[in-house]
């Protein structure tokens, strides 16, 4: 059966136990692809599975609104894209929280010496403060999305709707130059 036939059969049998089997078939066909898309968009394996579950929950709740103007997969992937973009925007709005989680995962104090761990954390705090104080808002967002959330530059360009020809790459270059100048001044002092 095609996806669209499964949707129609579900609609016809929605109240019966048979209706659930049609949803299960759709879920089985697309769960892996949706989870992979979520992983590519967010760069986070753990949240990709949760996001995929959110996507299917939303899709199945709104299945009655599927008009059939496009393929079911197109409709499902548009829901996926929107949910992932919402998640990335949410992360961008809270860059300190995201980077704290990543740093906690990277630093294993049982393996490293405690002084080195403390020194590294202090350096990261200083870098975050420097980014917030010295970079403009867009540069700070681009740097966080690229180096903390590990999003590709072309995704960041689309997400932030950057219209300059080089997109997010131009902001990374500009931010690095600013930070290098500041670091050079501090080394001379």
Protein backbone atom coordinates (compact mmCIF):
# COMPACT_ATOMS: atom_id res chain seq x y z
CA UNK A 1 0.00 0.00 0.00
CA UNK A 2 1.13 3.55 -0.66
CA UNK A 3 1.46 6.04 2.19
CA UNK A 4 -1.59 7.89 0.98
CA UNK A 5 -3.63 4.66 0.94
CA UNK A 6 -2.57 3.97 4.51
CA UNK A 7 -3.72 7.45 5.53
CA UNK A 8 -7.10 6.93 3.86
CA UNK A 9 -7.53 3.52 5.47
CA UNK A 10 -6.61 4.99 8.84
CA UNK A 11 -9.21 7.73 8.41
CA UNK A 12 -11.83 5.14 7.53
CA UNK A 13 -10.96 2.91 10.48
CA UNK A 14 -9.71 5.53 12.97
CA UNK A 15 -12.03 4.46 15.76
CA UNK A 16 -11.22 0.76 15.44
CA UNK A 17 -8.10 -1.15 16.53
CA UNK A 18 -7.34 -1.72 12.84
CA UNK A 19 -6.73 2.04 12.46
CA UNK A 20 -3.72 1.83 14.77
CA UNK A 21 -2.07 -0.75 12.51
CA UNK A 22 -2.06 1.73 9.63
CA UNK A 23 -0.33 4.32 11.83
CA UNK A 24 2.19 1.68 12.90
CA UNK A 25 3.03 0.94 9.28
CA UNK A 26 3.64 4.63 8.56
CA UNK A 27 5.77 4.92 11.69
CA UNK A 28 7.87 1.90 10.73
CA UNK A 29 8.42 3.25 7.20
CA UNK A 30 9.61 6.68 8.28
CA UNK A 31 10.91 6.61 11.84
CA UNK A 32 14.53 5.89 10.86
CA UNK A 33 14.57 8.56 8.17
CA UNK A 34 12.94 11.17 10.41
CA UNK A 35 15.37 10.42 13.27
CA UNK A 36 18.32 10.67 10.85
CA UNK A 37 17.06 14.01 9.57
CA UNK A 38 16.68 15.26 13.15
CA UNK A 39 20.24 14.16 13.89
CA UNK A 40 21.61 15.97 10.83
CA UNK A 41 19.73 19.15 11.72
CA UNK A 42 20.61 19.23 15.42
CA UNK A 43 23.87 17.31 15.55
CA UNK A 44 22.66 15.61 18.73
CA UNK A 45 22.01 11.86 18.72
CA UNK A 46 20.17 11.87 22.04
CA UNK A 47 17.69 14.59 21.14
CA UNK A 48 17.19 13.26 17.59
CA UNK A 49 15.19 10.29 18.85
CA UNK A 50 13.07 12.51 21.10
CA UNK A 51 12.50 14.97 18.26
CA UNK A 52 11.45 12.12 15.95
CA UNK A 53 8.90 11.01 18.53
CA UNK A 54 7.60 14.61 18.74
CA UNK A 55 7.31 14.74 14.96
CA UNK A 56 5.24 11.56 14.77
CA UNK A 57 3.04 12.62 17.66
CA UNK A 58 2.33 15.93 15.95
CA UNK A 59 1.83 14.30 12.55
CA UNK A 60 -0.56 11.66 13.84
CA UNK A 61 -2.51 14.24 15.84
CA UNK A 62 -2.89 16.32 12.68
CA UNK A 63 -3.37 13.48 10.23
CA UNK A 64 -6.90 14.65 9.51
CA UNK A 65 -5.42 17.88 8.14
CA UNK A 66 -3.36 16.01 5.51
CA UNK A 67 -5.13 16.99 2.29
CA UNK A 68 -3.15 14.88 -0.13
CA UNK A 69 -1.97 17.90 -2.17
CA UNK A 70 1.54 16.50 -1.82
CA UNK A 71 3.00 13.13 -0.96
CA UNK A 72 2.66 12.01 2.64
CA UNK A 73 6.46 11.93 2.96
CA UNK A 74 6.71 15.58 1.87
CA UNK A 75 4.11 16.57 4.45
CA UNK A 76 5.89 14.56 7.17
CA UNK A 77 9.31 16.00 6.31
CA UNK A 78 7.95 19.55 6.46
CA UNK A 79 6.75 18.84 10.00
CA UNK A 80 10.20 17.37 10.75
CA UNK A 81 12.02 20.38 9.34
CA UNK A 82 9.88 22.82 11.30
CA UNK A 83 10.28 20.91 14.57
CA UNK A 84 14.06 20.70 14.13
CA UNK A 85 14.35 24.40 13.29
CA UNK A 86 12.33 25.20 16.42
CA UNK A 87 14.76 23.10 18.46
CA UNK A 88 17.83 24.76 16.92
CA UNK A 89 16.35 28.23 17.51
CA UNK A 90 15.61 27.27 21.08
CA UNK A 91 19.22 26.18 21.58
CA UNK A 92 20.51 29.37 19.99
CA UNK A 93 18.49 31.39 22.47
CA UNK A 94 20.26 29.63 25.35
CA UNK A 95 23.89 29.20 24.17
CA UNK A 96 25.41 29.06 27.66
CA UNK A 97 23.24 26.10 28.68
CA UNK A 98 24.11 24.12 25.56
CA UNK A 99 27.83 24.72 25.91
CA UNK A 100 27.80 23.79 29.62
CA UNK A 101 26.30 20.41 28.78
CA UNK A 102 28.87 19.78 26.05
CA UNK A 103 31.77 20.84 28.26
CA UNK A 104 30.60 18.59 31.08
CA UNK A 105 30.56 15.68 28.65
CA UNK A 106 34.04 16.46 27.29
CA UNK A 107 35.84 16.95 30.57
CA UNK A 108 36.41 13.74 32.52
CA UNK A 109 37.92 14.84 35.81
CA UNK A 110 38.66 11.26 36.83
CA UNK A 111 41.18 11.02 33.98
CA UNK A 112 42.56 14.56 33.95
CA UNK A 113 44.25 16.24 36.82
CA UNK A 114 41.97 18.55 38.76
CA UNK A 115 44.10 21.70 38.21
CA UNK A 116 44.05 21.18 34.42
CA UNK A 117 40.28 20.70 34.50
CA UNK A 118 39.77 23.88 36.51
CA UNK A 119 42.11 25.80 34.22
CA UNK A 120 40.25 24.59 31.14
CA UNK A 121 36.86 25.56 32.61
CA UNK A 122 38.17 29.00 33.51
CA UNK A 123 39.50 29.44 29.96
CA UNK A 124 36.12 28.46 28.52
CA UNK A 125 34.33 30.89 30.86
CA UNK A 126 36.71 33.66 29.85
CA UNK A 127 36.19 32.85 26.16
CA UNK A 128 32.39 32.90 26.58
CA UNK A 129 32.60 36.24 28.34
CA UNK A 130 34.89 37.60 25.64
CA UNK A 131 32.46 36.44 22.93
CA UNK A 132 29.54 38.12 24.68
CA UNK A 133 31.43 41.35 25.30
CA UNK A 134 33.35 41.76 22.06
CA UNK A 135 31.27 40.16 19.31
CA UNK A 136 28.05 41.49 17.92
CA UNK A 137 24.90 39.44 18.45
CA UNK A 138 24.98 37.69 15.06
CA UNK A 139 28.67 36.79 15.35
CA UNK A 140 28.07 35.33 18.82
CA UNK A 141 25.10 33.27 17.59
CA UNK A 142 27.03 31.98 14.57
CA UNK A 143 30.04 31.01 16.67
CA UNK A 144 27.84 29.21 19.21
CA UNK A 145 25.77 27.38 16.60
CA UNK A 146 28.85 26.31 14.64
CA UNK A 147 31.40 25.51 17.34
CA UNK A 148 29.14 24.46 20.23
CA UNK A 149 26.07 23.02 18.50
CA UNK A 150 28.22 21.85 15.56
CA UNK A 151 25.77 22.96 12.88
CA UNK A 152 27.15 23.29 9.35
CA UNK A 153 27.67 26.85 8.14
CA UNK A 154 25.07 26.53 5.36
CA UNK A 155 22.44 25.44 7.91
CA UNK A 156 23.30 28.41 10.11
CA UNK A 157 23.04 30.74 7.11
CA UNK A 158 19.51 29.46 6.41
CA UNK A 159 18.48 29.37 10.07
CA UNK A 160 19.55 32.94 10.80
CA UNK A 161 18.45 34.11 7.33
CA UNK A 162 21.83 35.67 6.60
CA UNK A 163 21.74 37.47 3.29
CA UNK A 164 25.40 38.31 2.72
CA UNK A 165 27.06 36.31 -0.11
CA UNK A 166 29.38 34.33 2.21
CA UNK A 167 26.68 33.60 4.77
CA UNK A 168 27.74 32.36 8.21
CA UNK A 169 31.35 31.87 7.08
CA UNK A 170 31.84 35.64 6.91
CA UNK A 171 30.73 35.99 10.53
CA UNK A 172 33.09 33.23 11.67
CA UNK A 173 36.02 34.91 9.91
CA UNK A 174 35.12 38.31 11.36
CA UNK A 175 34.66 36.91 14.87
CA UNK A 176 37.97 35.03 14.75
CA UNK A 177 39.82 38.18 13.65
CA UNK A 178 38.29 40.20 16.49
CA UNK A 179 39.16 37.54 19.05
CA UNK A 180 42.73 37.18 17.72
CA UNK A 181 43.27 40.98 17.93
CA UNK A 182 42.01 41.01 21.50
CA UNK A 183 44.18 38.03 22.45
CA UNK A 184 47.24 39.71 20.90
CA UNK A 185 46.57 42.92 22.89
CA UNK A 186 46.27 40.95 26.12
CA UNK A 187 49.53 39.08 25.40
CA UNK A 188 51.34 42.42 24.94
CA UNK A 189 49.95 43.81 28.20
